[in-house]
Amino acid sequence: MAALRHWLGFEGLLSALNSVGTLWIFALMLAVNADVAGRTLFNSPVPGVPEFGRLSIVGIIFIQLAHTLRSGRMTRADGLLLMVQRRWPRFAAGVETVFSLAGAVLFAVLVYGSTRPLLRSWESAEYAGVEGYVTFPIWPVRLIIVVGCALAALQFLLFTRHYALVLLGLRSPDPADARAVSAPVA
């Protein structure tokens, strides 16, 4: 039952998007290798690979962002905080609450700031590439940026709730659960 709830809930959505990002990386790798082989062997590059690569890098980062955050794999310098957590777990939870809330606000601002460019690229049919040769619409990547930032903001809010409950003494300050809130927060 827990596995089904995992795949139907927020964590399942993040896992699915992470899987799409992984497949996207594989497709990008195939395209780049085909382009290199075409240039080397046939003196003929695969059209559109540089544009596809530029758009893909941004899309992949944002489609996998919230899952990376949720699984505790986001780069951060937390050595001091981990030492504080061992000695004063509720104080560390207070610091984590503030950090997580700041992360939620930051990503909410990114959603707000990215929405207008998304709408503009949708309305103007903005594209990357050379017209008449190879073009890719820009709006799907901008949509991924907005959705990825919104999901990251939501994940930071889930962290905020978790750490606030620890701070208030309503949840156990388990050191193993210090960063990765891997189970859906109920």
N, C-alpha and C. Protein backbone atom coordinates (compact mmCIF):
# COMPACT_ATOMS: atom_id res chain seq x y z
N MET A 1 0.82 -1.20 0.00
CA MET A 1 0.00 0.00 0.00
C MET A 1 0.86 1.26 0.00
N ALA A 2 1.95 1.22 0.79
CA ALA A 2 2.83 2.39 0.84
C ALA A 2 3.49 2.64 -0.51
N ALA A 3 3.84 1.56 -1.22
CA ALA A 3 4.45 1.72 -2.55
C ALA A 3 3.47 2.34 -3.52
N LEU A 4 2.21 1.95 -3.45
CA LEU A 4 1.19 2.54 -4.34
C LEU A 4 1.00 4.01 -4.02
N ARG A 5 0.94 4.33 -2.72
CA ARG A 5 0.80 5.74 -2.33
C ARG A 5 2.00 6.56 -2.79
N HIS A 6 3.18 5.93 -2.75
CA HIS A 6 4.40 6.60 -3.22
C HIS A 6 4.25 7.00 -4.68
N TRP A 7 3.80 6.06 -5.52
CA TRP A 7 3.73 6.34 -6.96
C TRP A 7 2.55 7.21 -7.35
N LEU A 8 1.53 7.30 -6.49
CA LEU A 8 0.38 8.14 -6.81
C LEU A 8 0.50 9.54 -6.22
N GLY A 9 1.43 9.73 -5.32
CA GLY A 9 1.54 11.00 -4.62
C GLY A 9 2.60 11.92 -5.21
N PHE A 10 2.95 12.90 -4.41
CA PHE A 10 3.92 13.92 -4.82
C PHE A 10 5.27 13.30 -5.14
N GLU A 11 5.71 12.36 -4.31
CA GLU A 11 6.99 11.74 -4.55
C GLU A 11 6.98 10.94 -5.86
N GLY A 12 5.86 10.33 -6.17
CA GLY A 12 5.73 9.61 -7.44
C GLY A 12 5.84 10.54 -8.63
N LEU A 13 5.22 11.72 -8.51
CA LEU A 13 5.33 12.72 -9.58
C LEU A 13 6.78 13.13 -9.77
N LEU A 14 7.46 13.39 -8.66
CA LEU A 14 8.86 13.80 -8.75
C LEU A 14 9.73 12.68 -9.32
N SER A 15 9.45 11.44 -8.93
CA SER A 15 10.19 10.31 -9.47
C SER A 15 9.95 10.14 -10.96
N ALA A 16 8.70 10.32 -11.38
CA ALA A 16 8.38 10.22 -12.81
C ALA A 16 9.10 11.31 -13.61
N LEU A 17 9.10 12.54 -13.11
CA LEU A 17 9.79 13.63 -13.80
C LEU A 17 11.30 13.37 -13.82
N ASN A 18 11.83 12.82 -12.74
CA ASN A 18 13.24 12.48 -12.71
C ASN A 18 13.56 11.43 -13.77
N SER A 19 12.68 10.46 -13.92
CA SER A 19 12.87 9.43 -14.95
C SER A 19 12.82 10.02 -16.35
N VAL A 20 11.91 10.94 -16.58
CA VAL A 20 11.85 11.63 -17.87
C VAL A 20 13.16 12.37 -18.12
N GLY A 21 13.68 13.03 -17.09
CA GLY A 21 14.97 13.72 -17.22
C GLY A 21 16.10 12.76 -17.56
N THR A 22 16.08 11.59 -16.95
CA THR A 22 17.12 10.60 -17.23
C THR A 22 17.03 10.11 -18.67
N LEU A 23 15.81 9.86 -19.16
CA LEU A 23 15.63 9.46 -20.56
C LEU A 23 16.06 10.59 -21.50
N TRP A 24 15.80 11.81 -21.10
CA TRP A 24 16.20 12.98 -21.89
C TRP A 24 17.72 13.04 -22.00
N ILE A 25 18.40 12.77 -20.89
CA ILE A 25 19.87 12.74 -20.91
C ILE A 25 20.35 11.68 -21.90
N PHE A 26 19.72 10.52 -21.87
CA PHE A 26 20.09 9.45 -22.79
C PHE A 26 19.87 9.88 -24.25
N ALA A 27 18.73 10.53 -24.53
CA ALA A 27 18.46 11.02 -25.89
C ALA A 27 19.49 12.07 -26.31
N LEU A 28 19.85 12.95 -25.40
CA LEU A 28 20.86 13.96 -25.69
C LEU A 28 22.20 13.31 -25.98
N MET A 29 22.55 12.31 -25.18
CA MET A 29 23.80 11.58 -25.40
C MET A 29 23.82 10.93 -26.78
N LEU A 30 22.71 10.31 -27.17
CA LEU A 30 22.63 9.69 -28.50
C LEU A 30 22.76 10.74 -29.60
N ALA A 31 22.10 11.87 -29.43
CA ALA A 31 22.15 12.93 -30.44
C ALA A 31 23.58 13.48 -30.58
N VAL A 32 24.25 13.72 -29.47
CA VAL A 32 25.61 14.25 -29.53
C VAL A 32 26.55 13.24 -30.16
N ASN A 33 26.41 11.97 -29.79
CA ASN A 33 27.27 10.95 -30.39
C ASN A 33 27.00 10.80 -31.89
N ALA A 34 25.74 10.86 -32.28
CA ALA A 34 25.41 10.79 -33.71
C ALA A 34 25.99 11.99 -34.44
N ASP A 35 25.94 13.17 -33.82
CA ASP A 35 26.49 14.37 -34.43
C ASP A 35 28.00 14.25 -34.59
N VAL A 36 28.68 13.78 -33.55
CA VAL A 36 30.13 13.61 -33.62
C VAL A 36 30.49 12.59 -34.69
N ALA A 37 29.78 11.47 -34.71
CA ALA A 37 30.04 10.44 -35.73
C ALA A 37 29.77 10.98 -37.13
N GLY A 38 28.70 11.72 -37.29
CA GLY A 38 28.39 12.30 -38.59
C GLY A 38 29.45 13.28 -39.05
N ARG A 39 29.94 14.10 -38.14
CA ARG A 39 30.99 15.06 -38.49
C ARG A 39 32.28 14.34 -38.84
N THR A 40 32.63 13.34 -38.06
CA THR A 40 33.91 12.64 -38.23
C THR A 40 33.90 11.71 -39.44
N LEU A 41 32.87 10.90 -39.55
CA LEU A 41 32.86 9.88 -40.58
C LEU A 41 32.35 10.37 -41.94
N PHE A 42 31.36 11.26 -41.91
CA PHE A 42 30.72 11.66 -43.16
C PHE A 42 30.84 13.14 -43.47
N ASN A 43 31.56 13.88 -42.60
CA ASN A 43 31.70 15.32 -42.76
C ASN A 43 30.33 16.00 -42.88
N SER A 44 29.36 15.46 -42.14
CA SER A 44 27.99 15.97 -42.19
C SER A 44 27.38 15.90 -40.80
N PRO A 45 27.27 17.02 -40.10
CA PRO A 45 26.70 17.00 -38.76
C PRO A 45 25.20 16.73 -38.80
N VAL A 46 24.68 16.26 -37.67
CA VAL A 46 23.25 16.08 -37.54
C VAL A 46 22.63 17.46 -37.28
N PRO A 47 21.68 17.86 -38.10
CA PRO A 47 21.09 19.20 -37.93
C PRO A 47 20.39 19.38 -36.58
N GLY A 48 20.62 20.51 -35.95
CA GLY A 48 19.90 20.90 -34.75
C GLY A 48 20.45 20.40 -33.44
N VAL A 49 21.52 19.64 -33.46
CA VAL A 49 22.04 19.09 -32.21
C VAL A 49 22.51 20.19 -31.25
N PRO A 50 23.23 21.22 -31.71
CA PRO A 50 23.63 22.27 -30.75
C PRO A 50 22.42 22.97 -30.10
N GLU A 51 21.39 23.25 -30.87
CA GLU A 51 20.20 23.89 -30.30
C GLU A 51 19.49 22.95 -29.33
N PHE A 52 19.37 21.68 -29.74
CA PHE A 52 18.75 20.67 -28.88
C PHE A 52 19.53 20.54 -27.57
N GLY A 53 20.85 20.56 -27.66
CA GLY A 53 21.69 20.47 -26.47
C GLY A 53 21.51 21.65 -25.53
N ARG A 54 21.49 22.85 -26.09
CA ARG A 54 21.32 24.05 -25.24
C ARG A 54 19.99 24.03 -24.52
N LEU A 55 18.93 23.70 -25.22
CA LEU A 55 17.61 23.66 -24.59
C LEU A 55 17.51 22.49 -23.61
N SER A 56 18.13 21.38 -23.96
CA SER A 56 18.04 20.18 -23.12
C SER A 56 18.69 20.38 -21.77
N ILE A 57 19.84 21.01 -21.73
CA ILE A 57 20.54 21.19 -20.46
C ILE A 57 19.66 21.94 -19.46
N VAL A 58 19.03 23.00 -19.91
CA VAL A 58 18.15 23.77 -19.03
C VAL A 58 16.94 22.93 -18.63
N GLY A 59 16.32 22.27 -19.59
CA GLY A 59 15.15 21.46 -19.30
C GLY A 59 15.44 20.33 -18.33
N ILE A 60 16.55 19.65 -18.53
CA ILE A 60 16.92 18.53 -17.67
C ILE A 60 17.15 19.00 -16.23
N ILE A 61 17.83 20.11 -16.07
CA ILE A 61 18.09 20.63 -14.72
C ILE A 61 16.78 20.90 -13.99
N PHE A 62 15.87 21.58 -14.64
CA PHE A 62 14.64 21.97 -13.95
C PHE A 62 13.64 20.83 -13.81
N ILE A 63 13.66 19.86 -14.72
CA ILE A 63 12.73 18.74 -14.59
C ILE A 63 13.15 17.81 -13.45
N GLN A 64 14.44 17.79 -13.12
CA GLN A 64 14.93 16.92 -12.05
C GLN A 64 15.19 17.66 -10.74
N LEU A 65 15.00 18.95 -10.71
CA LEU A 65 15.35 19.77 -9.56
C LEU A 65 14.64 19.36 -8.27
N ALA A 66 13.33 19.25 -8.29
CA ALA A 66 12.58 18.95 -7.06
C ALA A 66 12.91 17.56 -6.53
N HIS A 67 13.11 16.59 -7.42
CA HIS A 67 13.47 15.24 -6.97
C HIS A 67 14.86 15.25 -6.31
N THR A 68 15.78 15.99 -6.90
CA THR A 68 17.12 16.11 -6.32
C THR A 68 17.04 16.71 -4.93
N LEU A 69 16.22 17.73 -4.79
CA LEU A 69 16.03 18.38 -3.49
C LEU A 69 15.40 17.42 -2.49
N ARG A 70 14.34 16.75 -2.90
CA ARG A 70 13.62 15.84 -2.00
C ARG A 70 14.50 14.68 -1.54
N SER A 71 15.33 14.18 -2.42
CA SER A 71 16.15 13.02 -2.06
C SER A 71 17.42 13.41 -1.30
N GLY A 72 17.60 14.70 -1.02
CA GLY A 72 18.74 15.15 -0.24
C GLY A 72 20.04 15.18 -1.01
N ARG A 73 19.96 15.26 -2.33
CA ARG A 73 21.17 15.24 -3.16
C ARG A 73 21.56 16.62 -3.68
N MET A 74 20.89 17.65 -3.20
CA MET A 74 21.25 19.00 -3.60
C MET A 74 22.52 19.40 -2.87
N THR A 75 23.44 19.98 -3.58
CA THR A 75 24.70 20.39 -2.97
C THR A 75 24.45 21.45 -1.90
N ARG A 76 25.03 21.23 -0.73
CA ARG A 76 24.93 22.22 0.34
C ARG A 76 26.06 22.01 1.33
N ALA A 77 26.45 23.07 1.99
CA ALA A 77 27.50 23.00 3.00
C ALA A 77 26.81 22.95 4.36
N ASP A 78 26.70 21.76 4.93
CA ASP A 78 25.94 21.62 6.17
C ASP A 78 26.73 20.97 7.30
N GLY A 79 28.05 20.99 7.20
CA GLY A 79 28.88 20.39 8.25
C GLY A 79 28.61 20.98 9.62
N LEU A 80 28.59 22.30 9.71
CA LEU A 80 28.33 22.96 10.99
C LEU A 80 26.92 22.66 11.48
N LEU A 81 25.96 22.69 10.56
CA LEU A 81 24.58 22.43 10.95
C LEU A 81 24.40 21.01 11.46
N LEU A 82 25.10 20.05 10.88
CA LEU A 82 25.02 18.67 11.36
C LEU A 82 25.60 18.53 12.76
N MET A 83 26.68 19.27 13.05
CA MET A 83 27.24 19.24 14.41
C MET A 83 26.26 19.87 15.40
N VAL A 84 25.64 20.98 15.01
CA VAL A 84 24.65 21.63 15.87
C VAL A 84 23.46 20.70 16.09
N GLN A 85 23.07 20.00 15.02
CA GLN A 85 21.91 19.12 15.12
C GLN A 85 22.13 17.99 16.14
N ARG A 86 23.33 17.48 16.21
CA ARG A 86 23.60 16.41 17.18
C ARG A 86 23.47 16.91 18.62
N ARG A 87 23.85 18.14 18.84
CA ARG A 87 23.84 18.67 20.21
C ARG A 87 22.52 19.36 20.56
N TRP A 88 22.00 20.15 19.63
CA TRP A 88 20.75 20.90 19.84
C TRP A 88 19.81 20.67 18.66
N PRO A 89 19.15 19.53 18.61
CA PRO A 89 18.34 19.19 17.44
C PRO A 89 17.19 20.17 17.17
N ARG A 90 16.58 20.69 18.21
CA ARG A 90 15.46 21.62 17.97
C ARG A 90 15.97 22.96 17.44
N PHE A 91 17.11 23.41 17.90
CA PHE A 91 17.70 24.65 17.35
C PHE A 91 18.03 24.45 15.88
N ALA A 92 18.63 23.30 15.56
CA ALA A 92 18.96 23.00 14.16
C ALA A 92 17.68 22.94 13.31
N ALA A 93 16.61 22.40 13.89
CA ALA A 93 15.33 22.37 13.18
C ALA A 93 14.82 23.78 12.92
N GLY A 94 15.06 24.68 13.86
CA GLY A 94 14.67 26.08 13.65
C GLY A 94 15.45 26.71 12.50
N VAL A 95 16.75 26.44 12.46
CA VAL A 95 17.59 26.95 11.36
C VAL A 95 17.11 26.36 10.04
N GLU A 96 16.85 25.05 10.02
CA GLU A 96 16.36 24.38 8.80
C GLU A 96 15.00 24.94 8.38
N THR A 97 14.16 25.27 9.35
CA THR A 97 12.87 25.86 9.03
C THR A 97 13.05 27.18 8.29
N VAL A 98 13.94 28.01 8.80
CA VAL A 98 14.20 29.31 8.17
C VAL A 98 14.80 29.10 6.77
N PHE A 99 15.78 28.21 6.67
CA PHE A 99 16.40 27.94 5.37
C PHE A 99 15.38 27.42 4.36
N SER A 100 14.55 26.49 4.81
CA SER A 100 13.56 25.89 3.91
C SER A 100 12.52 26.91 3.47
N LEU A 101 12.10 27.75 4.40
CA LEU A 101 11.15 28.79 4.04
C LEU A 101 11.77 29.78 3.05
N ALA A 102 13.04 30.11 3.26
CA ALA A 102 13.74 30.99 2.31
C ALA A 102 13.83 30.33 0.94
N GLY A 103 14.08 29.02 0.89
CA GLY A 103 14.12 28.31 -0.38
C GLY A 103 12.77 28.34 -1.07
N ALA A 104 11.69 28.15 -0.31
CA ALA A 104 10.34 28.20 -0.88
C ALA A 104 10.05 29.58 -1.47
N VAL A 105 10.43 30.62 -0.74
CA VAL A 105 10.20 31.98 -1.23
C VAL A 105 11.03 32.24 -2.48
N LEU A 106 12.28 31.83 -2.47
CA LEU A 106 13.15 32.02 -3.63
C LEU A 106 12.56 31.35 -4.87
N PHE A 107 12.12 30.11 -4.74
CA PHE A 107 11.58 29.42 -5.91
C PHE A 107 10.21 29.97 -6.31
N ALA A 108 9.43 30.47 -5.35
CA ALA A 108 8.17 31.13 -5.71
C ALA A 108 8.45 32.40 -6.52
N VAL A 109 9.49 33.13 -6.15
CA VAL A 109 9.89 34.31 -6.92
C VAL A 109 10.34 33.90 -8.32
N LEU A 110 11.06 32.79 -8.43
CA LEU A 110 11.47 32.30 -9.75
C LEU A 110 10.27 31.90 -10.60
N VAL A 111 9.25 31.30 -9.98
CA VAL A 111 8.02 30.97 -10.72
C VAL A 111 7.39 32.26 -11.24
N TYR A 112 7.27 33.24 -10.36
CA TYR A 112 6.68 34.52 -10.76
C TYR A 112 7.48 35.16 -11.89
N GLY A 113 8.80 35.18 -11.74
CA GLY A 113 9.65 35.82 -12.75
C GLY A 113 9.74 35.05 -14.06
N SER A 114 9.46 33.76 -14.03
CA SER A 114 9.57 32.94 -15.24
C SER A 114 8.26 32.82 -16.00
N THR A 115 7.16 33.21 -15.37
CA THR A 115 5.85 33.05 -16.01
C THR A 115 5.68 34.00 -17.19
N ARG A 116 6.09 35.23 -17.06
CA ARG A 116 5.93 36.19 -18.16
C ARG A 116 6.75 35.78 -19.39
N PRO A 117 8.02 35.40 -19.25
CA PRO A 117 8.75 34.91 -20.43
C PRO A 117 8.10 33.67 -21.07
N LEU A 118 7.52 32.79 -20.24
CA LEU A 118 6.82 31.63 -20.78
C LEU A 118 5.64 32.08 -21.65
N LEU A 119 4.83 32.96 -21.12
CA LEU A 119 3.67 33.43 -21.88
C LEU A 119 4.09 34.18 -23.14
N ARG A 120 5.14 34.97 -23.03
CA ARG A 120 5.64 35.72 -24.19
C ARG A 120 6.14 34.76 -25.28
N SER A 121 6.87 33.72 -24.91
CA SER A 121 7.38 32.79 -25.91
C SER A 121 6.26 31.94 -26.50
N TRP A 122 5.22 31.67 -25.73
CA TRP A 122 4.05 30.95 -26.25
C TRP A 122 3.31 31.81 -27.28
N GLU A 123 3.06 33.07 -26.92
CA GLU A 123 2.29 33.96 -27.80
C GLU A 123 3.05 34.32 -29.07
N SER A 124 4.36 34.46 -28.98
CA SER A 124 5.14 34.89 -30.15
C SER A 124 5.70 33.72 -30.94
N ALA A 125 5.45 32.50 -30.49
CA ALA A 125 5.99 31.30 -31.14
C ALA A 125 7.51 31.39 -31.28
N GLU A 126 8.16 31.84 -30.20
CA GLU A 126 9.62 31.96 -30.17
C GLU A 126 10.26 30.59 -30.36
N TYR A 127 11.35 30.58 -31.08
CA TYR A 127 12.03 29.32 -31.35
C TYR A 127 13.53 29.51 -31.30
N ALA A 128 14.23 28.37 -31.17
CA ALA A 128 15.69 28.35 -31.25
C ALA A 128 16.05 27.62 -32.53
N GLY A 129 17.12 28.03 -33.14
CA GLY A 129 17.57 27.38 -34.37
C GLY A 129 17.54 28.34 -35.54
N VAL A 130 17.62 27.77 -36.74
CA VAL A 130 17.64 28.57 -37.96
C VAL A 130 16.37 28.25 -38.75
N GLU A 131 15.57 29.28 -38.97
CA GLU A 131 14.31 29.09 -39.70
C GLU A 131 14.58 28.51 -41.08
N GLY A 132 13.81 27.50 -41.42
CA GLY A 132 13.99 26.82 -42.70
C GLY A 132 15.00 25.69 -42.63
N TYR A 133 15.70 25.58 -41.53
CA TYR A 133 16.69 24.51 -41.37
C TYR A 133 16.23 23.59 -40.24
N VAL A 134 16.43 23.99 -39.00
CA VAL A 134 15.94 23.25 -37.83
C VAL A 134 15.55 24.27 -36.78
N THR A 135 14.34 24.13 -36.25
CA THR A 135 13.88 25.01 -35.17
C THR A 135 13.24 24.19 -34.08
N PHE A 136 13.36 24.69 -32.86
CA PHE A 136 12.73 24.09 -31.69
C PHE A 136 11.97 25.20 -30.96
N PRO A 137 10.71 24.96 -30.59
CA PRO A 137 10.00 25.99 -29.81
C PRO A 137 10.63 26.14 -28.43
N ILE A 138 10.61 27.36 -27.95
CA ILE A 138 11.22 27.67 -26.65
C ILE A 138 10.23 27.42 -25.50
N TRP A 139 8.95 27.59 -25.74
CA TRP A 139 7.98 27.55 -24.64
C TRP A 139 7.99 26.24 -23.85
N PRO A 140 8.23 25.05 -24.44
CA PRO A 140 8.21 23.86 -23.58
C PRO A 140 9.29 23.89 -22.50
N VAL A 141 10.46 24.39 -22.84
CA VAL A 141 11.53 24.48 -21.83
C VAL A 141 11.17 25.53 -20.79
N ARG A 142 10.59 26.63 -21.22
CA ARG A 142 10.16 27.65 -20.24
C ARG A 142 9.06 27.12 -19.34
N LEU A 143 8.18 26.28 -19.87
CA LEU A 143 7.15 25.65 -19.04
C LEU A 143 7.80 24.72 -18.02
N ILE A 144 8.79 23.97 -18.45
CA ILE A 144 9.51 23.08 -17.53
C ILE A 144 10.17 23.89 -16.42
N ILE A 145 10.71 25.04 -16.75
CA ILE A 145 11.33 25.91 -15.73
C ILE A 145 10.29 26.32 -14.70
N VAL A 146 9.12 26.76 -15.16
CA VAL A 146 8.07 27.21 -14.24
C VAL A 146 7.59 26.04 -13.38
N VAL A 147 7.32 24.90 -14.00
CA VAL A 147 6.84 23.74 -13.24
C VAL A 147 7.91 23.24 -12.28
N GLY A 148 9.15 23.17 -12.74
CA GLY A 148 10.24 22.71 -11.88
C GLY A 148 10.43 23.62 -10.68
N CYS A 149 10.36 24.92 -10.89
CA CYS A 149 10.50 25.86 -9.77
C CYS A 149 9.31 25.76 -8.83
N ALA A 150 8.11 25.57 -9.37
CA ALA A 150 6.92 25.43 -8.52
C ALA A 150 7.02 24.17 -7.66
N LEU A 151 7.47 23.07 -8.25
CA LEU A 151 7.62 21.84 -7.49
C LEU A 151 8.73 21.96 -6.44
N ALA A 152 9.81 22.65 -6.77
CA ALA A 152 10.87 22.87 -5.79
C ALA A 152 10.36 23.74 -4.64
N ALA A 153 9.56 24.76 -4.95
CA ALA A 153 8.97 25.60 -3.90
C ALA A 153 8.07 24.76 -3.00
N LEU A 154 7.27 23.89 -3.60
CA LEU A 154 6.40 23.02 -2.82
C LEU A 154 7.22 22.07 -1.94
N GLN A 155 8.30 21.53 -2.50
CA GLN A 155 9.15 20.64 -1.71
C GLN A 155 9.78 21.39 -0.54
N PHE A 156 10.22 22.63 -0.77
CA PHE A 156 10.76 23.42 0.33
C PHE A 156 9.69 23.70 1.38
N LEU A 157 8.44 23.88 0.96
CA LEU A 157 7.36 24.07 1.93
C LEU A 157 7.13 22.80 2.75
N LEU A 158 7.26 21.64 2.11
CA LEU A 158 7.16 20.38 2.85
C LEU A 158 8.30 20.26 3.87
N PHE A 159 9.50 20.66 3.47
CA PHE A 159 10.62 20.68 4.42
C PHE A 159 10.32 21.64 5.56
N THR A 160 9.79 22.82 5.23
CA THR A 160 9.48 23.83 6.24
C THR A 160 8.51 23.26 7.27
N ARG A 161 7.47 22.60 6.78
CA ARG A 161 6.49 21.99 7.68
C ARG A 161 7.15 20.93 8.56
N HIS A 162 7.95 20.08 7.95
CA HIS A 162 8.62 19.02 8.71
C HIS A 162 9.48 19.60 9.83
N TYR A 163 10.34 20.55 9.49
CA TYR A 163 11.25 21.11 10.49
C TYR A 163 10.52 21.96 11.52
N ALA A 164 9.44 22.62 11.12
CA ALA A 164 8.65 23.39 12.09
C ALA A 164 8.01 22.45 13.12
N LEU A 165 7.57 21.29 12.66
CA LEU A 165 7.00 20.31 13.60
C LEU A 165 8.07 19.79 14.56
N VAL A 166 9.28 19.59 14.07
CA VAL A 166 10.39 19.18 14.95
C VAL A 166 10.68 20.31 15.95
N LEU A 167 10.73 21.52 15.46
CA LEU A 167 11.00 22.68 16.32
C LEU A 167 9.96 22.79 17.43
N LEU A 168 8.71 22.55 17.11
CA LEU A 168 7.63 22.65 18.09
C LEU A 168 7.51 21.42 18.98
N GLY A 169 8.34 20.41 18.73
CA GLY A 169 8.31 19.20 19.53
C GLY A 169 7.19 18.24 19.15
N LEU A 170 6.58 18.43 17.99
CA LEU A 170 5.49 17.58 17.55
C LEU A 170 5.96 16.43 16.66
N ARG A 171 7.24 16.43 16.34
CA ARG A 171 7.83 15.35 15.55
C ARG A 171 9.21 15.08 16.13
N SER A 172 9.61 13.83 16.09
CA SER A 172 10.90 13.44 16.63
C SER A 172 12.04 13.98 15.76
N PRO A 173 13.08 14.54 16.39
CA PRO A 173 14.22 15.04 15.62
C PRO A 173 15.18 13.92 15.26
N ASP A 174 14.78 13.05 14.37
CA ASP A 174 15.59 11.91 13.96
C ASP A 174 16.74 12.39 13.08
N PRO A 175 18.00 12.21 13.50
CA PRO A 175 19.13 12.67 12.69
C PRO A 175 19.20 12.03 11.32
N ALA A 176 18.70 10.80 11.19
CA ALA A 176 18.72 10.13 9.88
C ALA A 176 17.77 10.83 8.91
N ASP A 177 16.80 11.55 9.44
CA ASP A 177 15.81 12.24 8.62
C ASP A 177 16.15 13.73 8.50
N ALA A 178 17.41 14.07 8.75
CA ALA A 178 17.81 15.48 8.82
C ALA A 178 17.56 16.24 7.53
N ARG A 179 17.78 15.62 6.39
CA ARG A 179 17.62 16.38 5.15
C ARG A 179 16.59 15.76 4.22
N ALA A 180 16.66 14.48 4.01
CA ALA A 180 15.78 13.87 3.02
C ALA A 180 14.46 13.48 3.67
N VAL A 181 13.44 14.21 3.36
CA VAL A 181 12.09 13.84 3.78
C VAL A 181 11.59 12.95 2.67
N SER A 182 11.96 11.66 2.76
CA SER A 182 11.69 10.77 1.64
C SER A 182 10.27 10.23 1.64
N ALA A 183 9.67 10.14 2.79
CA ALA A 183 8.28 9.69 2.82
C ALA A 183 7.39 10.91 2.69
N PRO A 184 6.25 10.78 2.02
CA PRO A 184 5.35 11.93 1.92
C PRO A 184 4.98 12.43 3.31
N VAL A 185 5.05 13.73 3.49
CA VAL A 185 4.73 14.32 4.78
C VAL A 185 3.22 14.35 4.91
N ALA A 186 2.69 13.70 5.95
CA ALA A 186 1.24 13.61 6.13
C ALA A 186 0.74 14.74 6.99
